[in-house]
Amino acid sequence: MPSRDRIEAAIGAALTRAEGPGAPPRLAAALRHAVLPGGARIRPTICHAVARACGDPVPSLTDAACAALELIHCASLVHDDLPCFDDADMRRGKPSVHVAFGEPLAVLAGDALILAAFDVLSRAGEAEPLSALRLTGALARATGMPHGICAGQGWESETEVDLAAYHRAKTGSLFVAATTMGALAAGEDAEPWVELGARIGEAFQVADDLRDALMDADALGKPCGQDAALGRPNAVAELGVEGAVARLDDILGGAIASIPSCPGEAQLCEMVRRQAAQIMPVSLVRDLV
């Protein structure tokens, strides 16, 4: 089965369990609104590719890692869009969850998706307890404090911001989780895969800063100009457009070079190049400059 199909099947199974008999119907609908239809599924795709490059010896564990990772990502988007944070009314080209269902259900939907992610890993642990435990720890660290996405959101409330630390936490942490969880799902050591995830995460954040500064809401599928409007730290404000583009080029060049030796190294290199072309439109940015 193709990777995308495996990822969607695992996510669908998690949502089906979450909306089981007796569940509040509107909250169940809010979960599906937050997760479906999927976006690019970039993080689970990277996770899947790393696991497959390392042999993918336990496919069910790989699929669980990918689903858990994407559920956490979707939860973070629901919470990011809330009025207390970005106050965004669009996400992926449709109304954000708090606009469609109200703030209380949006908060609960984000919380429920976080717990669903860890439920997915706990179920995988029935067959592979040690690997599932390691995956759970990796995802928890990428989600919470001191360096996960919660910390990234927290940096936005500080008077002085370390931009590198902010980017590593808010965006980079889940990309590091993607590469390291892919390795862990395949029974490999996580540490050699940290640099690749960190580089992809940094590149994605710089590209996102450029898109926010240069594109319109219709093209972006969500509000644009948010960083400037909210006074948030970003690469364009710190480096300028040309500096941010140059930084993006540097990061992407290092990402390919950082891929550890593994049986599927060549295929993984090609996947990273494809993802870079998809999520980091350098040519578009250059045209706009």
C-alpha atoms as a PDB file:
ATOM      1  CA  MET A   1       0.000   0.000   0.000  1.00  0.00           C
ATOM      2  CA  PRO A   2       1.381   3.478  -0.851  1.00  0.00           C
ATOM      3  CA  SER A   3       2.606   5.575   2.056  1.00  0.00           C
ATOM      4  CA  ARG A   4      -0.156   8.177   1.711  1.00  0.00           C
ATOM      5  CA  ASP A   5      -2.843   5.482   1.839  1.00  0.00           C
ATOM      6  CA  ARG A   6      -1.277   3.913   4.922  1.00  0.00           C
ATOM      7  CA  ILE A   7      -1.087   7.285   6.663  1.00  0.00           C
ATOM      8  CA  GLU A   8      -4.708   8.193   5.870  1.00  0.00           C
ATOM      9  CA  ALA A   9      -5.944   4.768   6.951  1.00  0.00           C
ATOM     10  CA  ALA A  10      -4.190   5.071  10.308  1.00  0.00           C
ATOM     11  CA  ILE A  11      -5.525   8.599  10.869  1.00  0.00           C
ATOM     12  CA  GLY A  12      -9.032   7.500   9.872  1.00  0.00           C
ATOM     13  CA  ALA A  13      -8.939   4.600  12.326  1.00  0.00           C
ATOM     14  CA  ALA A  14      -7.906   6.954  15.137  1.00  0.00           C
ATOM     15  CA  LEU A  15     -10.781   9.322  14.359  1.00  0.00           C
ATOM     16  CA  THR A  16     -13.254   6.443  14.224  1.00  0.00           C
ATOM     17  CA  ARG A  17     -12.202   5.341  17.707  1.00  0.00           C
ATOM     18  CA  ALA A  18     -12.490   8.900  19.009  1.00  0.00           C
ATOM     19  CA  GLU A  19     -16.049   9.279  17.742  1.00  0.00           C
ATOM     20  CA  GLY A  20     -17.258   5.940  19.065  1.00  0.00           C
ATOM     21  CA  PRO A  21     -20.799   5.222  20.273  1.00  0.00           C
ATOM     22  CA  GLY A  22     -22.018   7.772  22.807  1.00  0.00           C
ATOM     23  CA  ALA A  23     -19.554  10.501  21.786  1.00  0.00           C
ATOM     24  CA  PRO A  24     -20.819  14.126  21.582  1.00  0.00           C
ATOM     25  CA  PRO A  25     -21.742  14.500  17.889  1.00  0.00           C
ATOM     26  CA  ARG A  26     -20.608  18.104  17.421  1.00  0.00           C
ATOM     27  CA  LEU A  27     -17.249  17.509  19.063  1.00  0.00           C
ATOM     28  CA  ALA A  28     -16.776  14.420  16.899  1.00  0.00           C
ATOM     29  CA  ALA A  29     -17.583  16.544  13.836  1.00  0.00           C
ATOM     30  CA  ALA A  30     -15.085  19.181  14.995  1.00  0.00           C
ATOM     31  CA  LEU A  31     -12.342  16.536  15.127  1.00  0.00           C
ATOM     32  CA  ARG A  32     -13.003  15.509  11.552  1.00  0.00           C
ATOM     33  CA  HIS A  33     -13.173  19.140  10.457  1.00  0.00           C
ATOM     34  CA  ALA A  34      -9.733  19.704  11.983  1.00  0.00           C
ATOM     35  CA  VAL A  35      -8.109  16.674  10.381  1.00  0.00           C
ATOM     36  CA  LEU A  36      -9.996  16.019   7.128  1.00  0.00           C
ATOM     37  CA  PRO A  37      -9.468  16.552   4.318  1.00  0.00           C
ATOM     38  CA  GLY A  38      -5.782  16.422   5.018  1.00  0.00           C
ATOM     39  CA  GLY A  39      -3.240  18.974   3.973  1.00  0.00           C
ATOM     40  CA  ALA A  40       0.098  17.914   2.580  1.00  0.00           C
ATOM     41  CA  ARG A  41       0.690  15.516   5.519  1.00  0.00           C
ATOM     42  CA  ILE A  42       4.317  16.607   5.349  1.00  0.00           C
ATOM     43  CA  ARG A  43       5.390  15.435   8.810  1.00  0.00           C
ATOM     44  CA  PRO A  44       3.951  11.898   8.596  1.00  0.00           C
ATOM     45  CA  THR A  45       5.241  11.574   5.042  1.00  0.00           C
ATOM     46  CA  ILE A  46       8.768  12.323   6.260  1.00  0.00           C
ATOM     47  CA  CYS A  47       8.317   9.925   9.180  1.00  0.00           C
ATOM     48  CA  HIS A  48       7.110   7.186   6.829  1.00  0.00           C
ATOM     49  CA  ALA A  49       9.969   7.797   4.401  1.00  0.00           C
ATOM     50  CA  VAL A  50      12.603   7.518   7.134  1.00  0.00           C
ATOM     51  CA  ALA A  51      11.077   4.296   8.455  1.00  0.00           C
ATOM     52  CA  ARG A  52      10.991   2.816   4.968  1.00  0.00           C
ATOM     53  CA  ALA A  53      14.558   3.933   4.275  1.00  0.00           C
ATOM     54  CA  CYS A  54      15.534   1.979   7.401  1.00  0.00           C
ATOM     55  CA  GLY A  55      13.656  -1.136   6.312  1.00  0.00           C
ATOM     56  CA  ASP A  56      10.190  -0.583   7.865  1.00  0.00           C
ATOM     57  CA  PRO A  57      10.285  -3.915   9.746  1.00  0.00           C
ATOM     58  CA  VAL A  58       7.030  -3.298  11.674  1.00  0.00           C
ATOM     59  CA  PRO A  59       4.625  -1.427   9.358  1.00  0.00           C
ATOM     60  CA  SER A  60       1.892  -1.145  11.992  1.00  0.00           C
ATOM     61  CA  LEU A  61       4.290   0.706  14.289  1.00  0.00           C
ATOM     62  CA  THR A  62       5.338   3.056  11.477  1.00  0.00           C
ATOM     63  CA  ASP A  63       1.698   3.803  10.685  1.00  0.00           C
ATOM     64  CA  ALA A  64       0.935   4.494  14.344  1.00  0.00           C
ATOM     65  CA  ALA A  65       3.879   6.893  14.610  1.00  0.00           C
ATOM     66  CA  CYS A  66       2.734   8.764  11.499  1.00  0.00           C
ATOM     67  CA  ALA A  67      -0.884   9.029  12.631  1.00  0.00           C
ATOM     68  CA  ALA A  68       0.088  10.214  16.113  1.00  0.00           C
ATOM     69  CA  LEU A  69       2.408  12.847  14.670  1.00  0.00           C
ATOM     70  CA  GLU A  70      -0.257  14.241  12.336  1.00  0.00           C
ATOM     71  CA  LEU A  71      -2.916  14.313  15.058  1.00  0.00           C
ATOM     72  CA  ILE A  72      -0.596  16.399  17.233  1.00  0.00           C
ATOM     73  CA  HIS A  73       0.080  18.729  14.314  1.00  0.00           C
ATOM     74  CA  CYS A  74      -3.643  19.166  13.614  1.00  0.00           C
ATOM     75  CA  ALA A  75      -4.280  19.832  17.302  1.00  0.00           C
ATOM     76  CA  SER A  76      -1.642  22.553  17.276  1.00  0.00           C
ATOM     77  CA  LEU A  77      -3.326  24.216  14.283  1.00  0.00           C
ATOM     78  CA  VAL A  78      -6.702  24.226  16.046  1.00  0.00           C
ATOM     79  CA  HIS A  79      -5.175  25.895  19.098  1.00  0.00           C
ATOM     80  CA  ASP A  80      -3.006  28.304  17.053  1.00  0.00           C
ATOM     81  CA  ASP A  81      -6.101  29.607  15.247  1.00  0.00           C
ATOM     82  CA  LEU A  82      -7.978  30.494  18.469  1.00  0.00           C
ATOM     83  CA  PRO A  83      -8.728  34.164  19.177  1.00  0.00           C
ATOM     84  CA  CYS A  84      -6.334  34.127  22.137  1.00  0.00           C
ATOM     85  CA  PHE A  85      -3.465  33.308  19.747  1.00  0.00           C
ATOM     86  CA  ASP A  86      -3.628  34.026  15.995  1.00  0.00           C
ATOM     87  CA  ASP A  87      -7.397  34.661  15.774  1.00  0.00           C
ATOM     88  CA  ALA A  88      -7.399  33.110  12.312  1.00  0.00           C
ATOM     89  CA  ASP A  89     -10.712  32.504  10.596  1.00  0.00           C
ATOM     90  CA  MET A  90      -9.392  30.234   7.832  1.00  0.00           C
ATOM     91  CA  ARG A  91      -7.301  27.082   7.756  1.00  0.00           C
ATOM     92  CA  ARG A  92      -6.577  24.968   4.684  1.00  0.00           C
ATOM     93  CA  GLY A  93      -9.014  27.072   2.698  1.00  0.00           C
ATOM     94  CA  LYS A  94     -12.025  26.529   4.966  1.00  0.00           C
ATOM     95  CA  PRO A  95     -13.314  28.023   8.248  1.00  0.00           C
ATOM     96  CA  SER A  96     -11.064  27.310  11.208  1.00  0.00           C
ATOM     97  CA  VAL A  97     -12.526  25.068  13.893  1.00  0.00           C
ATOM     98  CA  HIS A  98     -13.421  27.860  16.302  1.00  0.00           C
ATOM     99  CA  VAL A  99     -15.280  29.700  13.513  1.00  0.00           C
ATOM    100  CA  ALA A 100     -17.173  26.580  12.429  1.00  0.00           C
ATOM    101  CA  PHE A 101     -17.918  25.146  15.879  1.00  0.00           C
ATOM    102  CA  GLY A 102     -17.244  27.868  18.450  1.00  0.00           C
ATOM    103  CA  GLU A 103     -14.327  28.413  20.811  1.00  0.00           C
ATOM    104  CA  PRO A 104     -15.288  25.875  23.524  1.00  0.00           C
ATOM    105  CA  LEU A 105     -15.462  22.990  21.046  1.00  0.00           C
ATOM    106  CA  ALA A 106     -12.267  24.150  19.344  1.00  0.00           C
ATOM    107  CA  VAL A 107     -10.380  23.982  22.651  1.00  0.00           C
ATOM    108  CA  LEU A 108     -11.836  20.554  23.350  1.00  0.00           C
ATOM    109  CA  ALA A 109     -11.133  19.338  19.812  1.00  0.00           C
ATOM    110  CA  GLY A 110      -7.471  20.290  20.105  1.00  0.00           C
ATOM    111  CA  ASP A 111      -7.219  18.588  23.491  1.00  0.00           C
ATOM    112  CA  ALA A 112      -8.977  15.466  22.213  1.00  0.00           C
ATOM    113  CA  LEU A 113      -6.647  15.202  19.214  1.00  0.00           C
ATOM    114  CA  ILE A 114      -3.597  15.361  21.486  1.00  0.00           C
ATOM    115  CA  LEU A 115      -4.957  12.531  23.594  1.00  0.00           C
ATOM    116  CA  ALA A 116      -5.962  10.559  20.502  1.00  0.00           C
ATOM    117  CA  ALA A 117      -2.355  10.743  19.321  1.00  0.00           C
ATOM    118  CA  PHE A 118      -1.053   9.134  22.477  1.00  0.00           C
ATOM    119  CA  ASP A 119      -3.879   6.590  22.401  1.00  0.00           C
ATOM    120  CA  VAL A 120      -2.646   5.525  18.954  1.00  0.00           C
ATOM    121  CA  LEU A 121       0.840   4.905  20.334  1.00  0.00           C
ATOM    122  CA  SER A 122      -0.469   3.084  23.405  1.00  0.00           C
ATOM    123  CA  ARG A 123      -2.382   0.673  21.185  1.00  0.00           C
ATOM    124  CA  ALA A 124       0.735   0.061  19.094  1.00  0.00           C
ATOM    125  CA  GLY A 125       2.513  -0.787  22.328  1.00  0.00           C
ATOM    126  CA  GLU A 126       0.472  -3.934  22.754  1.00  0.00           C
ATOM    127  CA  ALA A 127       2.673  -5.599  20.122  1.00  0.00           C
ATOM    128  CA  GLU A 128       5.888  -3.546  20.435  1.00  0.00           C
ATOM    129  CA  PRO A 129       5.933  -2.107  23.979  1.00  0.00           C
ATOM    130  CA  LEU A 130       9.530  -0.825  24.105  1.00  0.00           C
ATOM    131  CA  SER A 131       9.399   0.819  20.688  1.00  0.00           C
ATOM    132  CA  ALA A 132       6.011   2.378  21.455  1.00  0.00           C
ATOM    133  CA  LEU A 133       7.381   3.722  24.740  1.00  0.00           C
ATOM    134  CA  ARG A 134      10.286   5.358  22.913  1.00  0.00           C
ATOM    135  CA  LEU A 135       7.920   6.815  20.327  1.00  0.00           C
ATOM    136  CA  THR A 136       5.683   8.173  23.079  1.00  0.00           C
ATOM    137  CA  GLY A 137       8.623   9.914  24.724  1.00  0.00           C
ATOM    138  CA  ALA A 138       9.791  11.428  21.446  1.00  0.00           C
ATOM    139  CA  LEU A 139       6.333  12.790  20.660  1.00  0.00           C
ATOM    140  CA  ALA A 140       5.819  14.122  24.183  1.00  0.00           C
ATOM    141  CA  ARG A 141       9.113  16.010  24.067  1.00  0.00           C
ATOM    142  CA  ALA A 142       8.231  17.468  20.669  1.00  0.00           C
ATOM    143  CA  THR A 143       4.853  18.616  21.966  1.00  0.00           C
ATOM    144  CA  GLY A 144       5.494  20.050  25.428  1.00  0.00           C
ATOM    145  CA  MET A 145       8.131  21.954  27.378  1.00  0.00           C
ATOM    146  CA  PRO A 146      10.904  23.005  27.336  1.00  0.00           C
ATOM    147  CA  HIS A 147      11.536  22.671  23.589  1.00  0.00           C
ATOM    148  CA  GLY A 148       8.304  21.434  21.999  1.00  0.00           C
ATOM    149  CA  ILE A 149       5.505  23.227  20.182  1.00  0.00           C
ATOM    150  CA  CYS A 150       3.978  24.444  23.459  1.00  0.00           C
ATOM    151  CA  ALA A 151       7.274  26.184  24.199  1.00  0.00           C
ATOM    152  CA  GLY A 152       7.215  27.626  20.682  1.00  0.00           C
ATOM    153  CA  GLN A 153       3.814  29.165  21.287  1.00  0.00           C
ATOM    154  CA  GLY A 154       5.035  30.401  24.658  1.00  0.00           C
ATOM    155  CA  TRP A 155       7.898  32.340  23.067  1.00  0.00           C
ATOM    156  CA  GLU A 156       5.305  34.603  21.465  1.00  0.00           C
ATOM    157  CA  SER A 157       4.401  35.932  24.926  1.00  0.00           C
ATOM    158  CA  GLU A 158       7.989  36.878  25.835  1.00  0.00           C
ATOM    159  CA  THR A 159       9.258  40.448  25.604  1.00  0.00           C
ATOM    160  CA  GLU A 160      12.603  39.292  24.184  1.00  0.00           C
ATOM    161  CA  VAL A 161      12.647  36.400  21.751  1.00  0.00           C
ATOM    162  CA  ASP A 162      15.475  34.114  20.701  1.00  0.00           C
ATOM    163  CA  LEU A 163      14.416  33.615  17.057  1.00  0.00           C
ATOM    164  CA  ALA A 164      16.420  30.411  16.629  1.00  0.00           C
ATOM    165  CA  ALA A 165      14.961  28.881  19.801  1.00  0.00           C
ATOM    166  CA  TYR A 166      11.481  30.036  18.778  1.00  0.00           C
ATOM    167  CA  HIS A 167      11.738  28.394  15.354  1.00  0.00           C
ATOM    168  CA  ARG A 168      13.257  25.199  16.758  1.00  0.00           C
ATOM    169  CA  ALA A 169      10.386  24.825  19.200  1.00  0.00           C
ATOM    170  CA  LYS A 170       7.380  26.027  17.244  1.00  0.00           C
ATOM    171  CA  THR A 171       8.178  24.381  13.922  1.00  0.00           C
ATOM    172  CA  GLY A 172      11.374  22.376  14.132  1.00  0.00           C
ATOM    173  CA  SER A 173      10.327  20.151  17.015  1.00  0.00           C
ATOM    174  CA  LEU A 174       7.695  18.233  15.047  1.00  0.00           C
ATOM    175  CA  PHE A 175      10.042  17.801  12.091  1.00  0.00           C
ATOM    176  CA  VAL A 176      12.685  16.388  14.431  1.00  0.00           C
ATOM    177  CA  ALA A 177       9.945  14.137  15.777  1.00  0.00           C
ATOM    178  CA  ALA A 178       9.133  13.068  12.213  1.00  0.00           C
ATOM    179  CA  THR A 179      12.666  11.915  11.410  1.00  0.00           C
ATOM    180  CA  THR A 180      13.480  10.431  14.813  1.00  0.00           C
ATOM    181  CA  MET A 181      10.133   8.660  15.176  1.00  0.00           C
ATOM    182  CA  GLY A 182      10.593   7.155  11.722  1.00  0.00           C
ATOM    183  CA  ALA A 183      13.934   5.776  12.831  1.00  0.00           C
ATOM    184  CA  LEU A 184      12.558   4.541  16.163  1.00  0.00           C
ATOM    185  CA  ALA A 185       9.634   2.816  14.442  1.00  0.00           C
ATOM    186  CA  ALA A 186      12.199   0.910  12.358  1.00  0.00           C
ATOM    187  CA  GLY A 187      14.180  -0.053  15.443  1.00  0.00           C
ATOM    188  CA  GLU A 188      17.033   2.372  14.760  1.00  0.00           C
ATOM    189  CA  ASP A 189      18.798   4.907  16.964  1.00  0.00           C
ATOM    190  CA  ALA A 190      17.071   8.289  16.869  1.00  0.00           C
ATOM    191  CA  GLU A 191      20.070  10.544  17.421  1.00  0.00           C
ATOM    192  CA  PRO A 192      21.613  10.404  13.906  1.00  0.00           C
ATOM    193  CA  TRP A 193      18.292  11.635  12.489  1.00  0.00           C
ATOM    194  CA  VAL A 194      17.957  14.755  14.644  1.00  0.00           C
ATOM    195  CA  GLU A 195      19.928  17.050  12.326  1.00  0.00           C
ATOM    196  CA  LEU A 196      17.856  16.203   9.257  1.00  0.00           C
ATOM    197  CA  GLY A 197      14.619  16.965  11.105  1.00  0.00           C
ATOM    198  CA  ALA A 198      16.010  20.187  12.531  1.00  0.00           C
ATOM    199  CA  ARG A 199      17.139  21.393   9.112  1.00  0.00           C
ATOM    200  CA  ILE A 200      13.834  20.561   7.438  1.00  0.00           C
ATOM    201  CA  GLY A 201      11.974  22.275  10.258  1.00  0.00           C
ATOM    202  CA  GLU A 202      14.042  25.437  10.041  1.00  0.00           C
ATOM    203  CA  ALA A 203      13.634  25.554   6.277  1.00  0.00           C
ATOM    204  CA  PHE A 204       9.886  25.104   6.574  1.00  0.00           C
ATOM    205  CA  GLN A 205       9.637  27.941   9.098  1.00  0.00           C
ATOM    206  CA  VAL A 206      11.674  30.352   6.984  1.00  0.00           C
ATOM    207  CA  ALA A 207       9.567  29.454   3.938  1.00  0.00           C
ATOM    208  CA  ASP A 208       6.395  29.967   5.984  1.00  0.00           C
ATOM    209  CA  ASP A 209       7.645  33.397   7.071  1.00  0.00           C
ATOM    210  CA  LEU A 210       8.263  34.311   3.436  1.00  0.00           C
ATOM    211  CA  ARG A 211       4.830  33.089   2.349  1.00  0.00           C
ATOM    212  CA  ASP A 212       3.176  35.020   5.176  1.00  0.00           C
ATOM    213  CA  ALA A 213       4.950  38.191   4.095  1.00  0.00           C
ATOM    214  CA  LEU A 214       4.593  37.847   0.321  1.00  0.00           C
ATOM    215  CA  MET A 215       1.479  35.850  -0.557  1.00  0.00           C
ATOM    216  CA  ASP A 216      -2.249  36.567  -0.269  1.00  0.00           C
ATOM    217  CA  ALA A 217      -4.858  34.687   1.724  1.00  0.00           C
ATOM    218  CA  ASP A 218      -6.429  33.005  -1.323  1.00  0.00           C
ATOM    219  CA  ALA A 219      -3.116  31.500  -2.396  1.00  0.00           C
ATOM    220  CA  LEU A 220      -2.099  30.628   1.148  1.00  0.00           C
ATOM    221  CA  GLY A 221      -5.404  29.105   2.293  1.00  0.00           C
ATOM    222  CA  LYS A 222      -5.187  30.994   5.598  1.00  0.00           C
ATOM    223  CA  PRO A 223      -4.784  34.621   6.700  1.00  0.00           C
ATOM    224  CA  CYS A 224      -1.542  36.239   5.584  1.00  0.00           C
ATOM    225  CA  GLY A 225       0.448  39.107   7.062  1.00  0.00           C
ATOM    226  CA  GLN A 226      -0.134  37.632  10.518  1.00  0.00           C
ATOM    227  CA  ASP A 227       3.466  37.940  11.688  1.00  0.00           C
ATOM    228  CA  ALA A 228       3.608  41.662  10.993  1.00  0.00           C
ATOM    229  CA  ALA A 229       0.107  42.294  12.335  1.00  0.00           C
ATOM    230  CA  LEU A 230       0.788  40.449  15.587  1.00  0.00           C
ATOM    231  CA  GLY A 231       4.381  41.610  15.960  1.00  0.00           C
ATOM    232  CA  ARG A 232       5.711  38.066  16.002  1.00  0.00           C
ATOM    233  CA  PRO A 233       9.360  37.208  15.450  1.00  0.00           C
ATOM    234  CA  ASN A 234      10.088  35.945  11.946  1.00  0.00           C
ATOM    235  CA  ALA A 235      12.912  35.496   9.477  1.00  0.00           C
ATOM    236  CA  VAL A 236      11.731  38.215   7.083  1.00  0.00           C
ATOM    237  CA  ALA A 237      11.650  40.835   9.850  1.00  0.00           C
ATOM    238  CA  GLU A 238      15.127  39.828  11.031  1.00  0.00           C
ATOM    239  CA  LEU A 239      16.881  39.133   7.713  1.00  0.00           C
ATOM    240  CA  GLY A 240      14.794  40.894   5.076  1.00  0.00           C
ATOM    241  CA  VAL A 241      13.298  39.069   2.101  1.00  0.00           C
ATOM    242  CA  GLU A 242      16.568  38.516   0.243  1.00  0.00           C
ATOM    243  CA  GLY A 243      18.328  37.438   3.423  1.00  0.00           C
ATOM    244  CA  ALA A 244      15.551  34.984   4.248  1.00  0.00           C
ATOM    245  CA  VAL A 245      15.711  33.494   0.742  1.00  0.00           C
ATOM    246  CA  ALA A 246      19.488  33.095   1.039  1.00  0.00           C
ATOM    247  CA  ARG A 247      19.065  31.450   4.428  1.00  0.00           C
ATOM    248  CA  LEU A 248      16.495  29.063   2.972  1.00  0.00           C
ATOM    249  CA  ASP A 249      18.902  28.007   0.233  1.00  0.00           C
ATOM    250  CA  ASP A 250      21.639  27.336   2.796  1.00  0.00           C
ATOM    251  CA  ILE A 251      19.363  25.207   4.976  1.00  0.00           C
ATOM    252  CA  LEU A 252      18.085  23.101   2.087  1.00  0.00           C
ATOM    253  CA  GLY A 253      21.605  22.417   0.892  1.00  0.00           C
ATOM    254  CA  GLY A 254      22.569  21.121   4.322  1.00  0.00           C
ATOM    255  CA  ALA A 255      19.442  18.993   4.751  1.00  0.00           C
ATOM    256  CA  ILE A 256      20.319  16.549   1.975  1.00  0.00           C
ATOM    257  CA  ALA A 257      23.908  16.282   3.187  1.00  0.00           C
ATOM    258  CA  SER A 258      22.753  15.427   6.713  1.00  0.00           C
ATOM    259  CA  ILE A 259      20.837  12.257   5.782  1.00  0.00           C
ATOM    260  CA  PRO A 260      22.435   9.325   7.623  1.00  0.00           C
ATOM    261  CA  SER A 261      23.621   6.271   5.731  1.00  0.00           C
ATOM    262  CA  CYS A 262      20.761   3.751   5.427  1.00  0.00           C
ATOM    263  CA  PRO A 263      19.491   1.157   2.929  1.00  0.00           C
ATOM    264  CA  GLY A 264      17.033   3.589   1.341  1.00  0.00           C
ATOM    265  CA  GLU A 265      19.279   6.658   1.402  1.00  0.00           C
ATOM    266  CA  ALA A 266      18.890   7.506  -2.305  1.00  0.00           C
ATOM    267  CA  GLN A 267      15.083   7.301  -2.185  1.00  0.00           C
ATOM    268  CA  LEU A 268      15.024   9.380   0.983  1.00  0.00           C
ATOM    269  CA  CYS A 269      17.165  12.071  -0.642  1.00  0.00           C
ATOM    270  CA  GLU A 270      14.695  12.263  -3.496  1.00  0.00           C
ATOM    271  CA  MET A 271      11.754  12.494  -1.095  1.00  0.00           C
ATOM    272  CA  VAL A 272      13.374  15.407   0.743  1.00  0.00           C
ATOM    273  CA  ARG A 273      13.932  17.186  -2.589  1.00  0.00           C
ATOM    274  CA  ARG A 274      10.272  16.673  -3.522  1.00  0.00           C
ATOM    275  CA  GLN A 275       9.071  17.953  -0.161  1.00  0.00           C
ATOM    276  CA  ALA A 276      11.339  20.977  -0.478  1.00  0.00           C
ATOM    277  CA  ALA A 277       9.843  21.815  -3.859  1.00  0.00           C
ATOM    278  CA  GLN A 278       6.329  21.406  -2.488  1.00  0.00           C
ATOM    279  CA  ILE A 279       6.481  23.328   0.777  1.00  0.00           C
ATOM    280  CA  MET A 280       9.297  25.782   0.116  1.00  0.00           C
ATOM    281  CA  PRO A 281       8.516  27.597  -3.142  1.00  0.00           C
ATOM    282  CA  VAL A 282      11.916  29.225  -3.596  1.00  0.00           C
ATOM    283  CA  SER A 283      11.251  30.043  -7.258  1.00  0.00           C
ATOM    284  CA  LEU A 284       7.999  31.781  -6.319  1.00  0.00           C
ATOM    285  CA  VAL A 285       9.742  33.778  -3.646  1.00  0.00           C
ATOM    286  CA  ARG A 286      12.454  34.847  -6.067  1.00  0.00           C
ATOM    287  CA  ASP A 287       9.847  35.942  -8.602  1.00  0.00           C
ATOM    288  CA  LEU A 288       8.141  38.045  -5.963  1.00  0.00           C
ATOM    289  CA  VAL A 289      11.418  39.610  -4.883  1.00  0.00           C
END
